[in-house]
Amino acid sequence: MTLVDDAAQGALARYLSEQRGQPTAVEDVRRLSVGHSRAMYRVDTDAGRFVVRAEQGGVFGTSSAEEFAFMGALGRAGYPVAAVRWFEPSGSVLGQPFFVMDFVDGAELADEREMDEGTAADFVRLLASLHSLDWEAAELSPALVPPSPSDATHVQIERWAAIYRGAAAARIPLLDEAEAWLHLNAPPLDRLAVVHGDAGPGNVVQADGRVLVVTDWEFAHLGDPAEDWSFCLAMRGSRTLPRESWLALFEEVGGFRMDEDGWTYWEGFNLFKGACANCTCLSLFERGVNPAPNMAIIGTVLHRSFLRRLVQVVHA
């Protein structure tokens, strides 16, 4: 069931009425983006405009429950995220778990990763502030709390390896080799930070040269901030600004710099994370759980692209 379906819109109207304690009419629904891990819908009601963020069969092995809790805690701590309202975990309303949050009106962009240098600087400032957030005072309660800071990266490596092994039809030697390499070369860490996990252009709402809110928190966890800086540089931001521009912003605005060995390690980590996550897509497609064509593409073409790049990093 999707929200373009009249029956689904009726079910959502009943759900919103129950949550709000008064009748609520759904007047219009618009798909915001294709999305891979989640489907996003703008929902206009007689009580205002909301966004419904719905799961799509377990793509990437992430949890809406944890994302909802993370965003709620960040919002209470004053970090710019959309206000989350209600979480429906059972799938009985729309066929998939989902949560409802406030709509934040931003610029309409032809390319979701379009971002000028001024907005990029504002994003870098916000990312640095996320990494310096006192997560315990903010009462963030992630599912995985590492025993010590230096265990954090190992916990994440094992998390993604377990997701790949749970989804793939057979062991993938390249991922097993990368897993061992990442464990062996993991940099020490002296302080746990909140890590977005998918940081960069495309996962923000922006307008007038600034970032209004940071979005898409399904990969958020406690770990090493270098993961985010690397993800922005090599993955999300690579077609937005030149590498040299990002590095300058990281140092001048974010106060972050890293040697080339560090950049190499974290690029390998993020490629490993992506390749493991992508295994879920092919499994869901082949089992008919999520028959969308992009699931097959992510699970084959994109997955193999990540593996080729990962081999280059590990064998460098």
C-alpha atoms as a PDB file:
ATOM      1  CA  MET A   1       0.000   0.000   0.000  1.00  0.00           C
ATOM      2  CA  THR A   2       1.292   3.477  -0.901  1.00  0.00           C
ATOM      3  CA  LEU A   3      -0.048   6.914  -0.122  1.00  0.00           C
ATOM      4  CA  VAL A   4      -1.128   7.468  -3.720  1.00  0.00           C
ATOM      5  CA  ASP A   5      -3.841   4.911  -2.989  1.00  0.00           C
ATOM      6  CA  ASP A   6      -7.249   6.181  -1.772  1.00  0.00           C
ATOM      7  CA  ALA A   7      -7.516   3.383   0.777  1.00  0.00           C
ATOM      8  CA  ALA A   8      -4.106   4.291   2.221  1.00  0.00           C
ATOM      9  CA  GLN A   9      -5.042   7.960   2.461  1.00  0.00           C
ATOM     10  CA  GLY A  10      -8.196   7.004   4.298  1.00  0.00           C
ATOM     11  CA  ALA A  11      -6.225   4.819   6.706  1.00  0.00           C
ATOM     12  CA  LEU A  12      -3.746   7.643   7.281  1.00  0.00           C
ATOM     13  CA  ALA A  13      -6.565  10.131   7.932  1.00  0.00           C
ATOM     14  CA  ARG A  14      -7.987   7.793  10.584  1.00  0.00           C
ATOM     15  CA  TYR A  15      -4.542   7.360  12.137  1.00  0.00           C
ATOM     16  CA  LEU A  16      -3.898  11.117  12.264  1.00  0.00           C
ATOM     17  CA  SER A  17      -7.351  11.706  13.724  1.00  0.00           C
ATOM     18  CA  GLU A  18      -6.632   9.196  16.463  1.00  0.00           C
ATOM     19  CA  GLN A  19      -3.205  10.665  17.251  1.00  0.00           C
ATOM     20  CA  ARG A  20      -4.468  14.244  17.277  1.00  0.00           C
ATOM     21  CA  GLY A  21      -7.633  13.425  19.175  1.00  0.00           C
ATOM     22  CA  GLN A  22      -9.845  15.164  16.621  1.00  0.00           C
ATOM     23  CA  PRO A  23     -11.049  14.547  13.063  1.00  0.00           C
ATOM     24  CA  THR A  24      -8.306  15.151  10.477  1.00  0.00           C
ATOM     25  CA  ALA A  25      -8.884  15.139   6.730  1.00  0.00           C
ATOM     26  CA  VAL A  26      -6.126  14.282   4.240  1.00  0.00           C
ATOM     27  CA  GLU A  27      -6.509  16.778   1.399  1.00  0.00           C
ATOM     28  CA  ASP A  28      -3.506  16.068  -0.840  1.00  0.00           C
ATOM     29  CA  VAL A  29      -0.494  13.743  -0.970  1.00  0.00           C
ATOM     30  CA  ARG A  30       2.695  14.248  -2.968  1.00  0.00           C
ATOM     31  CA  ARG A  31       5.698  11.927  -3.206  1.00  0.00           C
ATOM     32  CA  LEU A  32       8.712  14.016  -2.229  1.00  0.00           C
ATOM     33  CA  SER A  33      11.467  11.791  -3.561  1.00  0.00           C
ATOM     34  CA  VAL A  34      12.014   8.270  -4.803  1.00  0.00           C
ATOM     35  CA  GLY A  35      14.158   7.417  -1.804  1.00  0.00           C
ATOM     36  CA  HIS A  36      15.941   4.120  -1.316  1.00  0.00           C
ATOM     37  CA  SER A  37      15.686   3.330   2.379  1.00  0.00           C
ATOM     38  CA  ARG A  38      12.438   5.247   2.984  1.00  0.00           C
ATOM     39  CA  ALA A  39       9.492   6.567   0.986  1.00  0.00           C
ATOM     40  CA  MET A  40       8.756  10.232   1.720  1.00  0.00           C
ATOM     41  CA  TYR A  41       5.358  11.844   1.252  1.00  0.00           C
ATOM     42  CA  ARG A  42       4.184  15.401   1.805  1.00  0.00           C
ATOM     43  CA  VAL A  43       0.705  15.195   3.292  1.00  0.00           C
ATOM     44  CA  ASP A  44      -1.596  18.217   3.311  1.00  0.00           C
ATOM     45  CA  THR A  45      -4.350  18.050   5.907  1.00  0.00           C
ATOM     46  CA  ASP A  46      -6.921  20.458   7.269  1.00  0.00           C
ATOM     47  CA  ALA A  47      -4.631  20.707  10.321  1.00  0.00           C
ATOM     48  CA  GLY A  48      -1.475  21.596   8.412  1.00  0.00           C
ATOM     49  CA  ARG A  49       1.235  19.968   6.348  1.00  0.00           C
ATOM     50  CA  PHE A  50       3.183  16.906   7.474  1.00  0.00           C
ATOM     51  CA  VAL A  51       5.730  14.455   6.066  1.00  0.00           C
ATOM     52  CA  VAL A  52       5.222  10.695   6.283  1.00  0.00           C
ATOM     53  CA  ARG A  53       8.474   8.715   6.250  1.00  0.00           C
ATOM     54  CA  ALA A  54       7.720   5.064   5.555  1.00  0.00           C
ATOM     55  CA  GLU A  55       9.909   1.959   5.470  1.00  0.00           C
ATOM     56  CA  GLN A  56      10.192  -0.054   2.258  1.00  0.00           C
ATOM     57  CA  GLY A  57      10.554  -3.641   3.365  1.00  0.00           C
ATOM     58  CA  GLY A  58      13.728  -3.376   5.441  1.00  0.00           C
ATOM     59  CA  VAL A  59      16.042  -1.657   2.944  1.00  0.00           C
ATOM     60  CA  PHE A  60      19.588  -1.227   4.342  1.00  0.00           C
ATOM     61  CA  GLY A  61      18.639  -2.987   7.585  1.00  0.00           C
ATOM     62  CA  THR A  62      17.943   0.252   9.450  1.00  0.00           C
ATOM     63  CA  SER A  63      15.310   0.993  12.091  1.00  0.00           C
ATOM     64  CA  SER A  64      12.600   3.659  11.939  1.00  0.00           C
ATOM     65  CA  ALA A  65      12.132   3.304  15.690  1.00  0.00           C
ATOM     66  CA  GLU A  66      15.725   4.301  16.361  1.00  0.00           C
ATOM     67  CA  GLU A  67      15.616   7.101  13.780  1.00  0.00           C
ATOM     68  CA  PHE A  68      12.428   8.511  15.338  1.00  0.00           C
ATOM     69  CA  ALA A  69      13.966   8.435  18.823  1.00  0.00           C
ATOM     70  CA  PHE A  70      17.220   9.978  17.585  1.00  0.00           C
ATOM     71  CA  MET A  71      15.446  12.849  15.862  1.00  0.00           C
ATOM     72  CA  GLY A  72      13.264  13.502  18.878  1.00  0.00           C
ATOM     73  CA  ALA A  73      16.270  13.733  21.190  1.00  0.00           C
ATOM     74  CA  LEU A  74      18.193  15.949  18.751  1.00  0.00           C
ATOM     75  CA  GLY A  75      15.221  18.275  18.414  1.00  0.00           C
ATOM     76  CA  ARG A  76      14.883  18.597  22.185  1.00  0.00           C
ATOM     77  CA  ALA A  77      18.607  19.395  22.336  1.00  0.00           C
ATOM     78  CA  GLY A  78      18.107  22.267  19.891  1.00  0.00           C
ATOM     79  CA  TYR A  79      19.700  20.646  16.854  1.00  0.00           C
ATOM     80  CA  PRO A  80      17.963  21.575  13.559  1.00  0.00           C
ATOM     81  CA  VAL A  81      15.830  18.590  12.611  1.00  0.00           C
ATOM     82  CA  ALA A  82      12.180  18.407  11.597  1.00  0.00           C
ATOM     83  CA  ALA A  83       9.928  17.954  14.639  1.00  0.00           C
ATOM     84  CA  VAL A  84       8.793  14.326  14.839  1.00  0.00           C
ATOM     85  CA  ARG A  85       5.194  13.698  15.887  1.00  0.00           C
ATOM     86  CA  TRP A  86       4.049  10.076  15.865  1.00  0.00           C
ATOM     87  CA  PHE A  87       5.560   6.661  15.147  1.00  0.00           C
ATOM     88  CA  GLU A  88       3.529   3.701  13.846  1.00  0.00           C
ATOM     89  CA  PRO A  89       5.676   0.553  14.273  1.00  0.00           C
ATOM     90  CA  SER A  90       3.271  -2.248  13.383  1.00  0.00           C
ATOM     91  CA  GLY A  91       2.681  -1.700   9.654  1.00  0.00           C
ATOM     92  CA  SER A  92      -1.044  -2.168  10.228  1.00  0.00           C
ATOM     93  CA  VAL A  93      -1.940   1.305   8.889  1.00  0.00           C
ATOM     94  CA  LEU A  94       0.083   1.580   5.662  1.00  0.00           C
ATOM     95  CA  GLY A  95       1.601  -1.888   5.361  1.00  0.00           C
ATOM     96  CA  GLN A  96       4.997  -0.626   6.576  1.00  0.00           C
ATOM     97  CA  PRO A  97       6.198   1.092   9.757  1.00  0.00           C
ATOM     98  CA  PHE A  98       6.318   4.879   9.398  1.00  0.00           C
ATOM     99  CA  PHE A  99       6.570   8.082  11.356  1.00  0.00           C
ATOM    100  CA  VAL A 100       5.081  11.517  10.899  1.00  0.00           C
ATOM    101  CA  MET A 101       7.050  14.746  11.178  1.00  0.00           C
ATOM    102  CA  ASP A 102       6.518  18.411  10.437  1.00  0.00           C
ATOM    103  CA  PHE A 103       7.060  19.648   6.899  1.00  0.00           C
ATOM    104  CA  VAL A 104       9.928  22.127   6.493  1.00  0.00           C
ATOM    105  CA  ASP A 105       9.594  24.318   3.427  1.00  0.00           C
ATOM    106  CA  GLY A 106      12.868  24.831   1.544  1.00  0.00           C
ATOM    107  CA  ALA A 107      14.188  25.663  -1.892  1.00  0.00           C
ATOM    108  CA  GLU A 108      12.968  23.661  -4.881  1.00  0.00           C
ATOM    109  CA  LEU A 109      16.123  22.285  -6.524  1.00  0.00           C
ATOM    110  CA  ALA A 110      16.478  20.447  -9.801  1.00  0.00           C
ATOM    111  CA  ASP A 111      19.261  18.348  -8.239  1.00  0.00           C
ATOM    112  CA  GLU A 112      18.903  17.383  -4.585  1.00  0.00           C
ATOM    113  CA  ARG A 113      22.683  17.630  -4.171  1.00  0.00           C
ATOM    114  CA  GLU A 114      22.875  21.160  -5.526  1.00  0.00           C
ATOM    115  CA  MET A 115      24.498  23.428  -2.938  1.00  0.00           C
ATOM    116  CA  ASP A 116      26.458  26.672  -3.250  1.00  0.00           C
ATOM    117  CA  GLU A 117      29.613  27.240  -1.228  1.00  0.00           C
ATOM    118  CA  GLY A 118      27.874  29.457   1.337  1.00  0.00           C
ATOM    119  CA  THR A 119      25.261  26.803   2.077  1.00  0.00           C
ATOM    120  CA  ALA A 120      28.003  24.166   2.147  1.00  0.00           C
ATOM    121  CA  ALA A 121      29.818  26.220   4.785  1.00  0.00           C
ATOM    122  CA  ASP A 122      26.641  26.358   6.880  1.00  0.00           C
ATOM    123  CA  PHE A 123      26.260  22.591   6.531  1.00  0.00           C
ATOM    124  CA  VAL A 124      29.873  22.052   7.643  1.00  0.00           C
ATOM    125  CA  ARG A 125      29.242  24.266  10.685  1.00  0.00           C
ATOM    126  CA  LEU A 126      26.188  22.190  11.611  1.00  0.00           C
ATOM    127  CA  LEU A 127      28.032  18.912  11.117  1.00  0.00           C
ATOM    128  CA  ALA A 128      30.811  20.079  13.425  1.00  0.00           C
ATOM    129  CA  SER A 129      28.225  21.107  16.031  1.00  0.00           C
ATOM    130  CA  LEU A 130      26.634  17.644  15.796  1.00  0.00           C
ATOM    131  CA  HIS A 131      29.989  16.032  16.510  1.00  0.00           C
ATOM    132  CA  SER A 132      30.510  18.241  19.573  1.00  0.00           C
ATOM    133  CA  LEU A 133      27.016  17.589  20.972  1.00  0.00           C
ATOM    134  CA  ASP A 134      26.895  16.112  24.476  1.00  0.00           C
ATOM    135  CA  TRP A 135      24.942  12.997  23.534  1.00  0.00           C
ATOM    136  CA  GLU A 136      24.455  11.857  27.115  1.00  0.00           C
ATOM    137  CA  ALA A 137      23.012  15.212  28.209  1.00  0.00           C
ATOM    138  CA  ALA A 138      20.775  15.113  25.127  1.00  0.00           C
ATOM    139  CA  GLU A 139      19.507  11.706  26.335  1.00  0.00           C
ATOM    140  CA  LEU A 140      20.255   9.985  23.072  1.00  0.00           C
ATOM    141  CA  SER A 141      19.767   6.264  23.529  1.00  0.00           C
ATOM    142  CA  PRO A 142      21.156   4.446  20.468  1.00  0.00           C
ATOM    143  CA  ALA A 143      20.736   0.706  20.225  1.00  0.00           C
ATOM    144  CA  LEU A 144      24.507   0.187  20.071  1.00  0.00           C
ATOM    145  CA  VAL A 145      26.582   1.954  22.729  1.00  0.00           C
ATOM    146  CA  PRO A 146      30.250   0.948  22.384  1.00  0.00           C
ATOM    147  CA  PRO A 147      32.008  -0.208  25.569  1.00  0.00           C
ATOM    148  CA  SER A 148      34.678   2.449  24.947  1.00  0.00           C
ATOM    149  CA  PRO A 149      35.376   5.074  22.269  1.00  0.00           C
ATOM    150  CA  SER A 150      37.991   2.936  20.542  1.00  0.00           C
ATOM    151  CA  ASP A 151      35.496   0.082  20.278  1.00  0.00           C
ATOM    152  CA  ALA A 152      33.044   2.261  18.310  1.00  0.00           C
ATOM    153  CA  THR A 153      34.446   1.638  14.839  1.00  0.00           C
ATOM    154  CA  HIS A 154      34.740  -2.102  15.467  1.00  0.00           C
ATOM    155  CA  VAL A 155      31.096  -2.177  16.601  1.00  0.00           C
ATOM    156  CA  GLN A 156      30.040  -0.523  13.343  1.00  0.00           C
ATOM    157  CA  ILE A 157      32.172  -2.858  11.207  1.00  0.00           C
ATOM    158  CA  GLU A 158      30.525  -5.837  12.881  1.00  0.00           C
ATOM    159  CA  ARG A 159      27.079  -4.267  12.497  1.00  0.00           C
ATOM    160  CA  TRP A 160      27.449  -3.885   8.724  1.00  0.00           C
ATOM    161  CA  ALA A 161      29.087  -7.281   8.302  1.00  0.00           C
ATOM    162  CA  ALA A 162      26.106  -8.878  10.069  1.00  0.00           C
ATOM    163  CA  ILE A 163      23.668  -7.033   7.783  1.00  0.00           C
ATOM    164  CA  TYR A 164      25.518  -8.261   4.689  1.00  0.00           C
ATOM    165  CA  ARG A 165      25.662 -11.850   5.920  1.00  0.00           C
ATOM    166  CA  GLY A 166      22.004 -11.800   6.811  1.00  0.00           C
ATOM    167  CA  ALA A 167      21.019 -10.630   3.323  1.00  0.00           C
ATOM    168  CA  ALA A 168      23.504 -12.185   0.876  1.00  0.00           C
ATOM    169  CA  ALA A 169      22.855 -15.614  -0.614  1.00  0.00           C
ATOM    170  CA  ALA A 170      26.524 -16.550  -0.093  1.00  0.00           C
ATOM    171  CA  ARG A 171      29.649 -15.155   1.516  1.00  0.00           C
ATOM    172  CA  ILE A 172      31.406 -12.402  -0.459  1.00  0.00           C
ATOM    173  CA  PRO A 173      35.181 -12.833  -0.038  1.00  0.00           C
ATOM    174  CA  LEU A 174      35.932  -9.200  -0.932  1.00  0.00           C
ATOM    175  CA  LEU A 175      33.723  -7.991   1.919  1.00  0.00           C
ATOM    176  CA  ASP A 176      35.220 -10.522   4.319  1.00  0.00           C
ATOM    177  CA  GLU A 177      38.714  -9.318   3.408  1.00  0.00           C
ATOM    178  CA  ALA A 178      37.694  -5.672   3.789  1.00  0.00           C
ATOM    179  CA  GLU A 179      36.126  -6.432   7.172  1.00  0.00           C
ATOM    180  CA  ALA A 180      39.425  -7.860   8.440  1.00  0.00           C
ATOM    181  CA  TRP A 181      41.406  -4.922   6.970  1.00  0.00           C
ATOM    182  CA  LEU A 182      39.112  -2.384   8.615  1.00  0.00           C
ATOM    183  CA  HIS A 183      39.413  -4.063  12.014  1.00  0.00           C
ATOM    184  CA  LEU A 184      43.191  -4.232  11.693  1.00  0.00           C
ATOM    185  CA  ASN A 185      43.620  -0.590  10.710  1.00  0.00           C
ATOM    186  CA  ALA A 186      40.889   1.138  12.743  1.00  0.00           C
ATOM    187  CA  PRO A 187      42.221   4.430  14.159  1.00  0.00           C
ATOM    188  CA  PRO A 188      42.025   4.948  17.938  1.00  0.00           C
ATOM    189  CA  LEU A 189      39.296   7.250  19.223  1.00  0.00           C
ATOM    190  CA  ASP A 190      39.288   9.228  22.467  1.00  0.00           C
ATOM    191  CA  ARG A 191      35.683  10.492  22.531  1.00  0.00           C
ATOM    192  CA  LEU A 192      32.388   9.185  21.216  1.00  0.00           C
ATOM    193  CA  ALA A 193      30.469  11.567  18.965  1.00  0.00           C
ATOM    194  CA  VAL A 194      27.077  11.533  17.306  1.00  0.00           C
ATOM    195  CA  VAL A 195      27.660  10.478  13.700  1.00  0.00           C
ATOM    196  CA  HIS A 196      25.021  11.139  11.054  1.00  0.00           C
ATOM    197  CA  GLY A 197      26.248   8.291   8.836  1.00  0.00           C
ATOM    198  CA  ASP A 198      24.910   9.688   5.531  1.00  0.00           C
ATOM    199  CA  ALA A 199      26.143  13.267   5.788  1.00  0.00           C
ATOM    200  CA  GLY A 200      26.221  15.710   2.904  1.00  0.00           C
ATOM    201  CA  PRO A 201      24.228  17.482   0.206  1.00  0.00           C
ATOM    202  CA  GLY A 202      20.877  15.871  -0.490  1.00  0.00           C
ATOM    203  CA  ASN A 203      20.203  15.131   3.157  1.00  0.00           C
ATOM    204  CA  VAL A 204      19.307  18.663   4.168  1.00  0.00           C
ATOM    205  CA  VAL A 205      16.529  21.160   3.578  1.00  0.00           C
ATOM    206  CA  GLN A 206      18.064  24.449   2.492  1.00  0.00           C
ATOM    207  CA  ALA A 207      16.970  27.949   1.534  1.00  0.00           C
ATOM    208  CA  ASP A 208      18.576  31.361   1.096  1.00  0.00           C
ATOM    209  CA  GLY A 209      22.136  30.199   1.631  1.00  0.00           C
ATOM    210  CA  ARG A 210      21.630  28.224   4.815  1.00  0.00           C
ATOM    211  CA  VAL A 211      20.608  24.788   6.002  1.00  0.00           C
ATOM    212  CA  LEU A 212      17.200  24.771   7.685  1.00  0.00           C
ATOM    213  CA  VAL A 213      17.241  21.166   8.923  1.00  0.00           C
ATOM    214  CA  VAL A 214      19.391  18.070   8.504  1.00  0.00           C
ATOM    215  CA  THR A 215      17.409  15.035   7.326  1.00  0.00           C
ATOM    216  CA  ASP A 216      17.672  11.235   6.891  1.00  0.00           C
ATOM    217  CA  TRP A 217      18.943   9.965  10.247  1.00  0.00           C
ATOM    218  CA  GLU A 218      18.484   6.216   9.735  1.00  0.00           C
ATOM    219  CA  PHE A 219      22.271   5.592   9.820  1.00  0.00           C
ATOM    220  CA  ALA A 220      22.927   7.738  12.913  1.00  0.00           C
ATOM    221  CA  HIS A 221      25.031   6.203  15.673  1.00  0.00           C
ATOM    222  CA  LEU A 222      27.839   6.889  18.125  1.00  0.00           C
ATOM    223  CA  GLY A 223      31.304   6.740  16.629  1.00  0.00           C
ATOM    224  CA  ASP A 224      34.144   8.612  14.970  1.00  0.00           C
ATOM    225  CA  PRO A 225      33.324  11.975  13.308  1.00  0.00           C
ATOM    226  CA  ALA A 226      35.819  11.139  10.557  1.00  0.00           C
ATOM    227  CA  GLU A 227      33.201   8.775   9.114  1.00  0.00           C
ATOM    228  CA  ASP A 228      30.915  11.744   8.353  1.00  0.00           C
ATOM    229  CA  TRP A 229      33.616  13.993   6.935  1.00  0.00           C
ATOM    230  CA  SER A 230      34.772  11.203   4.637  1.00  0.00           C
ATOM    231  CA  PHE A 231      31.228  10.330   3.560  1.00  0.00           C
ATOM    232  CA  CYS A 232      30.542  13.938   2.632  1.00  0.00           C
ATOM    233  CA  LEU A 233      33.814  14.285   0.752  1.00  0.00           C
ATOM    234  CA  ALA A 234      33.883  11.037  -1.213  1.00  0.00           C
ATOM    235  CA  MET A 235      30.220  10.055  -1.480  1.00  0.00           C
ATOM    236  CA  ARG A 236      27.531  12.727  -1.114  1.00  0.00           C
ATOM    237  CA  GLY A 237      29.517  15.871  -1.848  1.00  0.00           C
ATOM    238  CA  SER A 238      31.676  14.628  -4.695  1.00  0.00           C
ATOM    239  CA  ARG A 239      29.508  16.099  -7.425  1.00  0.00           C
ATOM    240  CA  THR A 240      28.632  19.275  -5.490  1.00  0.00           C
ATOM    241  CA  LEU A 241      31.997  20.960  -4.866  1.00  0.00           C
ATOM    242  CA  PRO A 242      35.599  20.071  -5.746  1.00  0.00           C
ATOM    243  CA  ARG A 243      37.509  18.024  -3.177  1.00  0.00           C
ATOM    244  CA  GLU A 244      39.809  20.968  -2.433  1.00  0.00           C
ATOM    245  CA  SER A 245      36.831  23.209  -1.631  1.00  0.00           C
ATOM    246  CA  TRP A 246      35.375  20.686   0.795  1.00  0.00           C
ATOM    247  CA  LEU A 247      38.720  20.151   2.515  1.00  0.00           C
ATOM    248  CA  ALA A 248      39.146  23.906   2.954  1.00  0.00           C
ATOM    249  CA  LEU A 249      35.643  24.220   4.441  1.00  0.00           C
ATOM    250  CA  PHE A 250      36.239  21.259   6.761  1.00  0.00           C
ATOM    251  CA  GLU A 251      39.365  22.914   8.149  1.00  0.00           C
ATOM    252  CA  GLU A 252      38.293  26.570   8.165  1.00  0.00           C
ATOM    253  CA  VAL A 253      34.661  26.168   9.261  1.00  0.00           C
ATOM    254  CA  GLY A 254      34.545  22.737  10.870  1.00  0.00           C
ATOM    255  CA  GLY A 255      37.999  22.768  12.473  1.00  0.00           C
ATOM    256  CA  PHE A 256      38.676  19.285  11.061  1.00  0.00           C
ATOM    257  CA  ARG A 257      41.654  17.951   9.173  1.00  0.00           C
ATOM    258  CA  MET A 258      43.025  14.468   8.622  1.00  0.00           C
ATOM    259  CA  ASP A 259      46.098  12.933   6.977  1.00  0.00           C
ATOM    260  CA  GLU A 260      45.848  10.941   3.735  1.00  0.00           C
ATOM    261  CA  ASP A 261      46.007   7.607   5.539  1.00  0.00           C
ATOM    262  CA  GLY A 262      42.948   8.678   7.509  1.00  0.00           C
ATOM    263  CA  TRP A 263      41.035   9.695   4.387  1.00  0.00           C
ATOM    264  CA  THR A 264      41.928   6.368   2.779  1.00  0.00           C
ATOM    265  CA  TYR A 265      40.761   4.359   5.788  1.00  0.00           C
ATOM    266  CA  TRP A 266      37.432   6.125   6.110  1.00  0.00           C
ATOM    267  CA  GLU A 267      36.715   5.984   2.407  1.00  0.00           C
ATOM    268  CA  GLY A 268      37.228   2.224   2.684  1.00  0.00           C
ATOM    269  CA  PHE A 269      34.945   2.080   5.700  1.00  0.00           C
ATOM    270  CA  ASN A 270      32.154   3.956   3.921  1.00  0.00           C
ATOM    271  CA  LEU A 271      32.475   1.823   0.801  1.00  0.00           C
ATOM    272  CA  PHE A 272      32.271  -1.290   2.982  1.00  0.00           C
ATOM    273  CA  LYS A 273      29.208   0.102   4.765  1.00  0.00           C
ATOM    274  CA  GLY A 274      27.552   0.899   1.437  1.00  0.00           C
ATOM    275  CA  ALA A 275      28.353  -2.469  -0.132  1.00  0.00           C
ATOM    276  CA  CYS A 276      26.995  -4.318   2.911  1.00  0.00           C
ATOM    277  CA  ALA A 277      23.824  -2.207   3.003  1.00  0.00           C
ATOM    278  CA  ASN A 278      23.263  -2.719  -0.723  1.00  0.00           C
ATOM    279  CA  CYS A 279      23.105  -6.493  -0.210  1.00  0.00           C
ATOM    280  CA  THR A 280      19.705  -6.004   1.435  1.00  0.00           C
ATOM    281  CA  CYS A 281      18.281  -4.510  -1.752  1.00  0.00           C
ATOM    282  CA  LEU A 282      18.927  -7.510  -3.987  1.00  0.00           C
ATOM    283  CA  SER A 283      17.564  -9.858  -1.335  1.00  0.00           C
ATOM    284  CA  LEU A 284      14.341  -7.854  -0.975  1.00  0.00           C
ATOM    285  CA  PHE A 285      13.941  -7.642  -4.762  1.00  0.00           C
ATOM    286  CA  GLU A 286      14.515 -11.370  -5.354  1.00  0.00           C
ATOM    287  CA  ARG A 287      12.074 -12.354  -2.601  1.00  0.00           C
ATOM    288  CA  GLY A 288       9.418  -9.984  -3.951  1.00  0.00           C
ATOM    289  CA  VAL A 289       9.325  -7.982  -0.712  1.00  0.00           C
ATOM    290  CA  ASN A 290      10.273  -4.806  -2.562  1.00  0.00           C
ATOM    291  CA  PRO A 291       9.975  -5.272  -6.353  1.00  0.00           C
ATOM    292  CA  ALA A 292      10.991  -1.698  -7.249  1.00  0.00           C
ATOM    293  CA  PRO A 293      13.561  -1.689 -10.108  1.00  0.00           C
ATOM    294  CA  ASN A 294      15.952   0.528  -8.142  1.00  0.00           C
ATOM    295  CA  MET A 295      16.311  -2.281  -5.605  1.00  0.00           C
ATOM    296  CA  ALA A 296      17.760  -4.560  -8.294  1.00  0.00           C
ATOM    297  CA  ILE A 297      20.046  -1.788  -9.564  1.00  0.00           C
ATOM    298  CA  ILE A 298      21.373  -0.951  -6.090  1.00  0.00           C
ATOM    299  CA  GLY A 299      21.880  -4.615  -5.270  1.00  0.00           C
ATOM    300  CA  THR A 300      23.821  -5.368  -8.454  1.00  0.00           C
ATOM    301  CA  VAL A 301      25.321  -2.441 -10.392  1.00  0.00           C
ATOM    302  CA  LEU A 302      25.890  -0.077  -7.457  1.00  0.00           C
ATOM    303  CA  HIS A 303      26.985  -2.907  -5.173  1.00  0.00           C
ATOM    304  CA  ARG A 304      29.647  -4.047  -7.663  1.00  0.00           C
ATOM    305  CA  SER A 305      30.793  -0.458  -8.187  1.00  0.00           C
ATOM    306  CA  PHE A 306      31.366  -0.127  -4.442  1.00  0.00           C
ATOM    307  CA  LEU A 307      33.221  -3.454  -4.366  1.00  0.00           C
ATOM    308  CA  ARG A 308      35.564  -2.369  -7.184  1.00  0.00           C
ATOM    309  CA  ARG A 309      36.408   0.865  -5.384  1.00  0.00           C
ATOM    310  CA  LEU A 310      36.774  -0.946  -2.080  1.00  0.00           C
ATOM    311  CA  VAL A 311      39.302  -3.353  -3.551  1.00  0.00           C
ATOM    312  CA  GLN A 312      41.367  -0.411  -4.784  1.00  0.00           C
ATOM    313  CA  VAL A 313      41.388   1.138  -1.313  1.00  0.00           C
ATOM    314  CA  VAL A 314      42.177  -2.069   0.603  1.00  0.00           C
ATOM    315  CA  HIS A 315      44.951  -3.095  -1.791  1.00  0.00           C
ATOM    316  CA  ALA A 316      46.473   0.375  -2.118  1.00  0.00           C
END
